[in-house]
């Protein structure tokens, strides 16, 4: 599978034939980068409003569930470590 290198913008030239000083080449590189980002962003498939709403609701429910699980674990560990263990060594 051969790749045609002359037409690709993402391959740097073999020599410094473009000319200009370092500042000019830097800003030319920024412009090239910006064009490449725009090209890639056109290829992105963006979700519609219904998909976005559905996914957001699922994420919020998941975060609340994980928060509840962590809260229960915290409560159990607090009961065991703060009240349970010291009661083993308390003198009566």
Foldseek 3Di string as FASTA:
>chain_A
DDDDPVPDPVDDDPDPVVDDDPVVVVVVVVVSVVVVVVVVVVVDDDDDPVVVVVVVVVVVVVVVVVVVVVVVVVVVCCCCVVPNVVVVVDDD
